[in-house]
Amino acid sequence: MILIAYDGSADADAAIDHAGKILRDQQATILTVWERVVDALARSGSVFALGDVDYESLDRESEDQARQRAQKGAERAEQAGLKAKVEVRPRDDSIASTLLAAADELEAEAILMGTRGLTGLKSLFLGSVSHAVLQHADRAVIVVPSPEVAAQRAERRP
């Protein structure tokens, strides 16, 4: 089974399409990671509470949206020729650590993910989930470049 990280982006869609080409008929778990409201506030450095906000309700909504996104990814994976199922998980310390923990628990043979196509300073300051996964994975990782980056690289090739 291959674990496919899916966030609903065009780059994640491209990664699923690529997976279908090279891994046709394989079992795939489409994983979407979501973040709890209090964790997002803490990570952003917010030191204020939002008053009478129902955090549990917001978290349920966030998880439901993640499940819908993962379902969309699973449908795309099925169309691409994979045998897909859906998984959603709350963010752990980082998205990369959540992906790695899921891969371990699900006994995935490999992790497949797209890139956001960030380069230069944006990549340096925003970090890279794919880079973190590559640095800490104990199994095969397939990183599919964003279509735009792949096209630019192909143009520069002699």
N, C-alpha and C. Protein backbone atom coordinates (compact mmCIF):
# COMPACT_ATOMS: atom_id res chain seq x y z
N MET A 1 0.84 -1.18 0.00
CA MET A 1 0.00 0.00 0.00
C MET A 1 0.88 1.24 0.00
N ILE A 2 0.47 2.22 -0.78
CA ILE A 2 1.17 3.49 -0.84
C ILE A 2 0.32 4.54 -0.15
N LEU A 3 0.95 5.41 0.60
CA LEU A 3 0.28 6.52 1.27
C LEU A 3 0.46 7.75 0.40
N ILE A 4 -0.64 8.39 0.04
CA ILE A 4 -0.58 9.59 -0.79
C ILE A 4 -1.04 10.77 0.05
N ALA A 5 -0.14 11.74 0.24
CA ALA A 5 -0.48 12.96 0.95
C ALA A 5 -1.31 13.84 0.02
N TYR A 6 -2.48 14.29 0.51
CA TYR A 6 -3.39 15.03 -0.36
C TYR A 6 -3.97 16.23 0.37
N ASP A 7 -3.75 17.42 -0.21
CA ASP A 7 -4.29 18.64 0.39
C ASP A 7 -5.32 19.34 -0.50
N GLY A 8 -5.68 18.72 -1.60
CA GLY A 8 -6.69 19.30 -2.49
C GLY A 8 -6.13 20.28 -3.51
N SER A 9 -4.84 20.52 -3.50
CA SER A 9 -4.24 21.48 -4.43
C SER A 9 -4.06 20.87 -5.82
N ALA A 10 -3.81 21.73 -6.79
CA ALA A 10 -3.53 21.26 -8.15
C ALA A 10 -2.27 20.39 -8.16
N ASP A 11 -1.30 20.72 -7.32
CA ASP A 11 -0.07 19.93 -7.25
C ASP A 11 -0.34 18.54 -6.68
N ALA A 12 -1.23 18.45 -5.70
CA ALA A 12 -1.60 17.14 -5.15
C ALA A 12 -2.37 16.33 -6.19
N ASP A 13 -3.22 16.99 -6.96
CA ASP A 13 -3.93 16.30 -8.05
C ASP A 13 -2.94 15.75 -9.06
N ALA A 14 -1.93 16.55 -9.41
CA ALA A 14 -0.92 16.11 -10.37
C ALA A 14 -0.15 14.91 -9.82
N ALA A 15 0.11 14.90 -8.52
CA ALA A 15 0.82 13.77 -7.91
C ALA A 15 -0.03 12.50 -8.01
N ILE A 16 -1.33 12.61 -7.77
CA ILE A 16 -2.21 11.45 -7.89
C ILE A 16 -2.24 10.96 -9.33
N ASP A 17 -2.34 11.87 -10.28
CA ASP A 17 -2.35 11.47 -11.69
C ASP A 17 -1.07 10.72 -12.04
N HIS A 18 0.06 11.20 -11.54
CA HIS A 18 1.34 10.54 -11.79
C HIS A 18 1.37 9.16 -11.13
N ALA A 19 0.84 9.08 -9.93
CA ALA A 19 0.79 7.79 -9.22
C ALA A 19 0.01 6.77 -10.04
N GLY A 20 -1.08 7.22 -10.65
CA GLY A 20 -1.87 6.30 -11.46
C GLY A 20 -1.10 5.76 -12.65
N LYS A 21 -0.19 6.56 -13.20
CA LYS A 21 0.61 6.12 -14.34
C LYS A 21 1.65 5.07 -13.94
N ILE A 22 2.25 5.24 -12.77
CA ILE A 22 3.35 4.34 -12.40
C ILE A 22 2.96 3.24 -11.42
N LEU A 23 1.79 3.39 -10.79
CA LEU A 23 1.39 2.42 -9.76
C LEU A 23 -0.01 1.86 -9.99
N ARG A 24 -0.42 1.79 -11.23
CA ARG A 24 -1.77 1.34 -11.58
C ARG A 24 -2.15 0.07 -10.84
N ASP A 25 -3.39 0.03 -10.37
CA ASP A 25 -4.00 -1.11 -9.66
C ASP A 25 -3.45 -1.33 -8.26
N GLN A 26 -2.60 -0.44 -7.77
CA GLN A 26 -2.06 -0.57 -6.41
C GLN A 26 -3.05 -0.01 -5.38
N GLN A 27 -2.95 -0.53 -4.17
CA GLN A 27 -3.72 -0.01 -3.05
C GLN A 27 -3.11 1.33 -2.65
N ALA A 28 -3.95 2.32 -2.41
CA ALA A 28 -3.47 3.64 -1.99
C ALA A 28 -4.38 4.18 -0.89
N THR A 29 -3.78 4.75 0.12
CA THR A 29 -4.53 5.47 1.14
C THR A 29 -4.29 6.95 0.91
N ILE A 30 -5.37 7.68 0.72
CA ILE A 30 -5.30 9.11 0.49
C ILE A 30 -5.45 9.79 1.84
N LEU A 31 -4.38 10.44 2.29
CA LEU A 31 -4.36 11.05 3.62
C LEU A 31 -4.42 12.57 3.52
N THR A 32 -5.38 13.14 4.22
CA THR A 32 -5.46 14.59 4.36
C THR A 32 -5.29 14.92 5.83
N VAL A 33 -4.40 15.85 6.11
CA VAL A 33 -4.11 16.28 7.48
C VAL A 33 -4.86 17.59 7.74
N TRP A 34 -5.48 17.68 8.90
CA TRP A 34 -6.17 18.90 9.29
C TRP A 34 -5.59 19.39 10.62
N GLU A 35 -5.88 20.65 10.96
CA GLU A 35 -5.30 21.24 12.16
C GLU A 35 -6.39 21.72 13.12
N ARG A 36 -6.23 21.36 14.39
CA ARG A 36 -7.14 21.83 15.43
C ARG A 36 -6.99 23.35 15.59
N VAL A 37 -8.08 24.03 15.90
CA VAL A 37 -8.08 25.49 16.02
C VAL A 37 -7.09 25.96 17.08
N VAL A 38 -7.12 25.35 18.25
CA VAL A 38 -6.21 25.80 19.32
C VAL A 38 -4.75 25.58 18.93
N ASP A 39 -4.47 24.52 18.19
CA ASP A 39 -3.10 24.29 17.74
C ASP A 39 -2.67 25.35 16.72
N ALA A 40 -3.58 25.71 15.83
CA ALA A 40 -3.29 26.75 14.84
C ALA A 40 -3.04 28.09 15.52
N LEU A 41 -3.85 28.41 16.53
CA LEU A 41 -3.67 29.66 17.26
C LEU A 41 -2.32 29.65 18.00
N ALA A 42 -2.00 28.55 18.63
CA ALA A 42 -0.74 28.45 19.37
C ALA A 42 0.45 28.55 18.43
N ARG A 43 0.37 27.87 17.29
CA ARG A 43 1.47 27.87 16.32
C ARG A 43 1.68 29.25 15.72
N SER A 44 0.60 30.01 15.58
CA SER A 44 0.71 31.34 14.98
C SER A 44 1.15 32.39 16.00
N GLY A 45 1.25 31.98 17.26
CA GLY A 45 1.68 32.92 18.28
C GLY A 45 0.55 33.74 18.85
N SER A 46 -0.68 33.41 18.51
CA SER A 46 -1.83 34.14 19.05
C SER A 46 -1.95 33.86 20.53
N VAL A 47 -2.03 34.92 21.29
CA VAL A 47 -2.12 34.76 22.74
C VAL A 47 -3.49 35.14 23.26
N PHE A 48 -4.42 35.34 22.35
CA PHE A 48 -5.75 35.73 22.78
C PHE A 48 -6.74 34.60 22.50
N ALA A 49 -7.78 34.56 23.29
CA ALA A 49 -8.86 33.60 23.07
C ALA A 49 -9.92 34.28 22.21
N LEU A 50 -10.69 33.49 21.52
CA LEU A 50 -11.70 34.06 20.64
C LEU A 50 -13.05 34.19 21.32
N GLY A 51 -13.08 34.33 22.63
CA GLY A 51 -14.34 34.52 23.35
C GLY A 51 -15.15 33.25 23.44
N ASP A 52 -16.42 33.36 23.11
CA ASP A 52 -17.35 32.23 23.23
C ASP A 52 -17.38 31.37 21.98
N VAL A 53 -16.24 31.05 21.47
CA VAL A 53 -16.15 30.23 20.27
C VAL A 53 -16.22 28.76 20.66
N ASP A 54 -17.00 28.01 19.92
CA ASP A 54 -17.12 26.56 20.15
C ASP A 54 -16.00 25.87 19.37
N TYR A 55 -14.86 25.67 20.04
CA TYR A 55 -13.68 25.08 19.40
C TYR A 55 -13.96 23.67 18.88
N GLU A 56 -14.72 22.90 19.63
CA GLU A 56 -15.03 21.53 19.20
C GLU A 56 -15.81 21.53 17.90
N SER A 57 -16.75 22.46 17.78
CA SER A 57 -17.54 22.56 16.56
C SER A 57 -16.65 22.96 15.38
N LEU A 58 -15.74 23.92 15.61
CA LEU A 58 -14.82 24.33 14.55
C LEU A 58 -13.91 23.18 14.14
N ASP A 59 -13.46 22.41 15.12
CA ASP A 59 -12.61 21.25 14.82
C ASP A 59 -13.37 20.20 14.03
N ARG A 60 -14.62 19.95 14.41
CA ARG A 60 -15.44 18.97 13.65
C ARG A 60 -15.62 19.43 12.22
N GLU A 61 -15.85 20.73 12.04
CA GLU A 61 -16.01 21.28 10.70
C GLU A 61 -14.71 21.14 9.90
N SER A 62 -13.59 21.43 10.54
CA SER A 62 -12.29 21.29 9.87
C SER A 62 -12.03 19.84 9.49
N GLU A 63 -12.35 18.92 10.39
CA GLU A 63 -12.16 17.50 10.09
C GLU A 63 -13.09 17.06 8.95
N ASP A 64 -14.34 17.54 8.97
CA ASP A 64 -15.28 17.20 7.90
C ASP A 64 -14.78 17.71 6.55
N GLN A 65 -14.24 18.92 6.53
CA GLN A 65 -13.71 19.47 5.28
C GLN A 65 -12.51 18.65 4.80
N ALA A 66 -11.68 18.22 5.74
CA ALA A 66 -10.53 17.38 5.39
C ALA A 66 -11.01 16.06 4.80
N ARG A 67 -12.06 15.48 5.39
CA ARG A 67 -12.59 14.22 4.90
C ARG A 67 -13.15 14.39 3.48
N GLN A 68 -13.85 15.50 3.24
CA GLN A 68 -14.38 15.76 1.90
C GLN A 68 -13.24 15.92 0.89
N ARG A 69 -12.17 16.62 1.30
CA ARG A 69 -11.01 16.80 0.43
C ARG A 69 -10.36 15.45 0.14
N ALA A 70 -10.20 14.63 1.17
CA ALA A 70 -9.59 13.31 0.98
C ALA A 70 -10.46 12.45 0.08
N GLN A 71 -11.77 12.56 0.23
CA GLN A 71 -12.68 11.79 -0.62
C GLN A 71 -12.53 12.21 -2.08
N LYS A 72 -12.39 13.52 -2.30
CA LYS A 72 -12.14 14.02 -3.66
C LYS A 72 -10.85 13.42 -4.21
N GLY A 73 -9.82 13.36 -3.38
CA GLY A 73 -8.55 12.77 -3.79
C GLY A 73 -8.69 11.29 -4.09
N ALA A 74 -9.48 10.58 -3.28
CA ALA A 74 -9.69 9.15 -3.49
C ALA A 74 -10.44 8.91 -4.80
N GLU A 75 -11.41 9.75 -5.09
CA GLU A 75 -12.14 9.62 -6.36
C GLU A 75 -11.19 9.84 -7.54
N ARG A 76 -10.32 10.82 -7.42
CA ARG A 76 -9.34 11.08 -8.48
C ARG A 76 -8.40 9.89 -8.62
N ALA A 77 -7.98 9.34 -7.49
CA ALA A 77 -7.07 8.18 -7.51
C ALA A 77 -7.75 6.98 -8.19
N GLU A 78 -9.01 6.76 -7.88
CA GLU A 78 -9.74 5.67 -8.53
C GLU A 78 -9.80 5.88 -10.04
N GLN A 79 -10.06 7.13 -10.46
CA GLN A 79 -10.09 7.44 -11.89
C GLN A 79 -8.72 7.24 -12.54
N ALA A 80 -7.67 7.43 -11.75
CA ALA A 80 -6.30 7.26 -12.26
C ALA A 80 -5.87 5.80 -12.27
N GLY A 81 -6.71 4.91 -11.73
CA GLY A 81 -6.40 3.49 -11.78
C GLY A 81 -5.89 2.89 -10.48
N LEU A 82 -5.99 3.64 -9.39
CA LEU A 82 -5.57 3.12 -8.09
C LEU A 82 -6.77 2.60 -7.31
N LYS A 83 -6.52 1.76 -6.34
CA LYS A 83 -7.56 1.27 -5.44
C LYS A 83 -7.43 2.09 -4.15
N ALA A 84 -8.30 3.08 -4.00
CA ALA A 84 -8.09 4.08 -2.97
C ALA A 84 -9.05 3.98 -1.80
N LYS A 85 -8.52 4.35 -0.62
CA LYS A 85 -9.35 4.55 0.55
C LYS A 85 -8.94 5.86 1.20
N VAL A 86 -9.77 6.37 2.08
CA VAL A 86 -9.61 7.69 2.67
C VAL A 86 -9.12 7.59 4.11
N GLU A 87 -8.25 8.52 4.47
CA GLU A 87 -7.77 8.64 5.86
C GLU A 87 -7.61 10.13 6.15
N VAL A 88 -8.08 10.57 7.31
CA VAL A 88 -7.83 11.94 7.76
C VAL A 88 -7.23 11.87 9.16
N ARG A 89 -6.32 12.79 9.42
CA ARG A 89 -5.66 12.84 10.74
C ARG A 89 -5.43 14.28 11.14
N PRO A 90 -5.53 14.54 12.44
CA PRO A 90 -5.17 15.89 12.90
C PRO A 90 -3.66 16.05 12.84
N ARG A 91 -3.25 17.27 12.61
CA ARG A 91 -1.82 17.57 12.55
C ARG A 91 -1.17 17.27 13.90
N ASP A 92 -0.01 16.65 13.83
CA ASP A 92 0.80 16.35 15.00
C ASP A 92 1.73 17.54 15.21
N ASP A 93 2.97 17.32 15.55
CA ASP A 93 3.94 18.41 15.68
C ASP A 93 4.07 19.16 14.36
N SER A 94 4.11 18.43 13.27
CA SER A 94 4.22 19.04 11.95
C SER A 94 3.45 18.15 10.97
N ILE A 95 3.20 18.67 9.80
CA ILE A 95 2.52 17.86 8.78
C ILE A 95 3.42 16.68 8.41
N ALA A 96 4.71 16.93 8.27
CA ALA A 96 5.63 15.85 7.91
C ALA A 96 5.62 14.74 8.96
N SER A 97 5.66 15.09 10.24
CA SER A 97 5.65 14.06 11.28
C SER A 97 4.33 13.30 11.30
N THR A 98 3.25 13.99 10.97
CA THR A 98 1.94 13.32 10.89
C THR A 98 1.93 12.32 9.74
N LEU A 99 2.48 12.72 8.59
CA LEU A 99 2.56 11.81 7.44
C LEU A 99 3.42 10.59 7.76
N LEU A 100 4.56 10.83 8.39
CA LEU A 100 5.46 9.73 8.71
C LEU A 100 4.84 8.77 9.73
N ALA A 101 4.15 9.30 10.72
CA ALA A 101 3.49 8.45 11.72
C ALA A 101 2.38 7.63 11.06
N ALA A 102 1.63 8.25 10.17
CA ALA A 102 0.56 7.53 9.47
C ALA A 102 1.15 6.42 8.59
N ALA A 103 2.22 6.72 7.89
CA ALA A 103 2.86 5.71 7.04
C ALA A 103 3.30 4.52 7.88
N ASP A 104 3.83 4.80 9.05
CA ASP A 104 4.27 3.73 9.95
C ASP A 104 3.09 2.91 10.45
N GLU A 105 2.07 3.58 10.95
CA GLU A 105 0.90 2.89 11.50
C GLU A 105 0.16 2.09 10.45
N LEU A 106 0.09 2.63 9.23
CA LEU A 106 -0.63 1.95 8.15
C LEU A 106 0.24 0.95 7.40
N GLU A 107 1.52 0.88 7.79
CA GLU A 107 2.49 0.00 7.15
C GLU A 107 2.58 0.25 5.64
N ALA A 108 2.64 1.52 5.29
CA ALA A 108 2.77 1.90 3.89
C ALA A 108 4.14 1.50 3.38
N GLU A 109 4.18 1.00 2.17
CA GLU A 109 5.46 0.65 1.53
C GLU A 109 6.18 1.90 1.04
N ALA A 110 5.41 2.94 0.72
CA ALA A 110 5.99 4.17 0.21
C ALA A 110 5.04 5.33 0.49
N ILE A 111 5.59 6.53 0.43
CA ILE A 111 4.82 7.76 0.56
C ILE A 111 4.96 8.51 -0.75
N LEU A 112 3.85 8.97 -1.29
CA LEU A 112 3.87 9.77 -2.51
C LEU A 112 3.27 11.12 -2.20
N MET A 113 3.91 12.16 -2.69
CA MET A 113 3.40 13.51 -2.44
C MET A 113 3.83 14.45 -3.55
N GLY A 114 3.07 15.51 -3.72
CA GLY A 114 3.43 16.55 -4.66
C GLY A 114 4.20 17.63 -3.93
N THR A 115 4.71 18.57 -4.70
CA THR A 115 5.36 19.74 -4.12
C THR A 115 4.53 20.96 -4.47
N ARG A 116 4.70 22.01 -3.71
CA ARG A 116 3.97 23.24 -3.99
C ARG A 116 4.67 24.11 -5.01
N GLY A 117 5.82 23.71 -5.42
CA GLY A 117 6.53 24.48 -6.43
C GLY A 117 7.21 25.72 -5.89
N LEU A 118 7.45 25.78 -4.59
CA LEU A 118 8.15 26.93 -4.02
C LEU A 118 9.63 26.83 -4.32
N THR A 119 10.22 27.95 -4.63
CA THR A 119 11.66 27.99 -4.87
C THR A 119 12.24 29.18 -4.14
N GLY A 120 13.54 29.23 -4.07
CA GLY A 120 14.24 30.38 -3.51
C GLY A 120 13.86 30.69 -2.08
N LEU A 121 13.66 31.98 -1.80
CA LEU A 121 13.39 32.43 -0.44
C LEU A 121 12.08 31.89 0.12
N LYS A 122 11.05 31.79 -0.73
CA LYS A 122 9.78 31.25 -0.24
C LYS A 122 9.99 29.85 0.33
N SER A 123 10.71 29.03 -0.38
CA SER A 123 10.98 27.67 0.08
C SER A 123 11.78 27.69 1.37
N LEU A 124 12.76 28.58 1.45
CA LEU A 124 13.61 28.67 2.64
C LEU A 124 12.80 29.07 3.86
N PHE A 125 11.95 30.10 3.73
CA PHE A 125 11.22 30.61 4.88
C PHE A 125 9.97 29.80 5.21
N LEU A 126 9.30 29.26 4.23
CA LEU A 126 8.08 28.52 4.48
C LEU A 126 8.35 27.05 4.78
N GLY A 127 9.54 26.58 4.48
CA GLY A 127 9.85 25.18 4.71
C GLY A 127 9.22 24.31 3.65
N SER A 128 9.49 23.04 3.75
CA SER A 128 8.98 22.13 2.75
C SER A 128 8.61 20.82 3.42
N VAL A 129 7.35 20.46 3.29
CA VAL A 129 6.88 19.20 3.85
C VAL A 129 7.59 18.05 3.15
N SER A 130 7.70 18.12 1.83
CA SER A 130 8.35 17.03 1.10
C SER A 130 9.81 16.88 1.52
N HIS A 131 10.49 17.99 1.72
CA HIS A 131 11.90 17.93 2.16
C HIS A 131 11.99 17.27 3.54
N ALA A 132 11.13 17.66 4.46
CA ALA A 132 11.15 17.08 5.80
C ALA A 132 10.84 15.58 5.76
N VAL A 133 9.88 15.19 4.94
CA VAL A 133 9.55 13.76 4.83
C VAL A 133 10.75 13.01 4.27
N LEU A 134 11.38 13.54 3.22
CA LEU A 134 12.57 12.89 2.65
C LEU A 134 13.69 12.74 3.67
N GLN A 135 13.88 13.75 4.49
CA GLN A 135 14.96 13.73 5.46
C GLN A 135 14.75 12.73 6.60
N HIS A 136 13.48 12.39 6.90
CA HIS A 136 13.19 11.58 8.07
C HIS A 136 12.51 10.24 7.76
N ALA A 137 12.24 9.97 6.51
CA ALA A 137 11.52 8.74 6.14
C ALA A 137 12.40 7.51 6.27
N ASP A 138 11.77 6.41 6.62
CA ASP A 138 12.46 5.12 6.68
C ASP A 138 11.90 4.17 5.61
N ARG A 139 11.28 4.75 4.61
CA ARG A 139 10.72 3.98 3.48
C ARG A 139 10.82 4.82 2.22
N ALA A 140 10.48 4.25 1.11
CA ALA A 140 10.56 4.97 -0.17
C ALA A 140 9.63 6.18 -0.15
N VAL A 141 10.10 7.26 -0.75
CA VAL A 141 9.31 8.48 -0.89
C VAL A 141 9.37 8.90 -2.35
N ILE A 142 8.22 9.13 -2.93
CA ILE A 142 8.14 9.60 -4.31
C ILE A 142 7.61 11.03 -4.26
N VAL A 143 8.42 11.97 -4.73
CA VAL A 143 8.02 13.37 -4.73
C VAL A 143 7.80 13.78 -6.18
N VAL A 144 6.59 14.22 -6.48
CA VAL A 144 6.23 14.63 -7.83
C VAL A 144 6.28 16.16 -7.89
N PRO A 145 7.15 16.71 -8.74
CA PRO A 145 7.25 18.17 -8.80
C PRO A 145 5.96 18.78 -9.34
N SER A 146 5.71 20.02 -8.94
CA SER A 146 4.52 20.71 -9.45
C SER A 146 4.63 20.77 -10.97
N PRO A 147 3.51 20.76 -11.67
CA PRO A 147 3.55 20.81 -13.14
C PRO A 147 4.31 22.03 -13.67
N GLU A 148 4.16 23.18 -13.00
CA GLU A 148 4.85 24.38 -13.46
C GLU A 148 6.37 24.24 -13.33
N VAL A 149 6.81 23.74 -12.19
CA VAL A 149 8.25 23.56 -11.97
C VAL A 149 8.80 22.52 -12.94
N ALA A 150 8.07 21.43 -13.14
CA ALA A 150 8.52 20.39 -14.07
C ALA A 150 8.66 20.95 -15.48
N ALA A 151 7.70 21.79 -15.91
CA ALA A 151 7.76 22.39 -17.24
C ALA A 151 8.96 23.32 -17.37
N GLN A 152 9.21 24.13 -16.34
CA GLN A 152 10.36 25.03 -16.37
C GLN A 152 11.67 24.25 -16.45
N ARG A 153 11.76 23.18 -15.69
CA ARG A 153 12.98 22.36 -15.71
C ARG A 153 13.17 21.72 -17.08
N ALA A 154 12.10 21.26 -17.67
CA ALA A 154 12.19 20.62 -19.00
C ALA A 154 12.66 21.63 -20.05
N GLU A 155 12.21 22.88 -19.95
CA GLU A 155 12.63 23.91 -20.89
C GLU A 155 14.12 24.22 -20.77
N ARG A 156 14.66 24.13 -19.57
CA ARG A 156 16.07 24.46 -19.34
C ARG A 156 17.01 23.32 -19.71
N ARG A 157 16.48 22.12 -19.86
CA ARG A 157 17.32 20.98 -20.20
C ARG A 157 17.85 21.11 -21.61
N PRO A 158 19.13 20.81 -21.81
CA PRO A 158 19.68 20.91 -23.18
C PRO A 158 19.11 19.84 -24.09
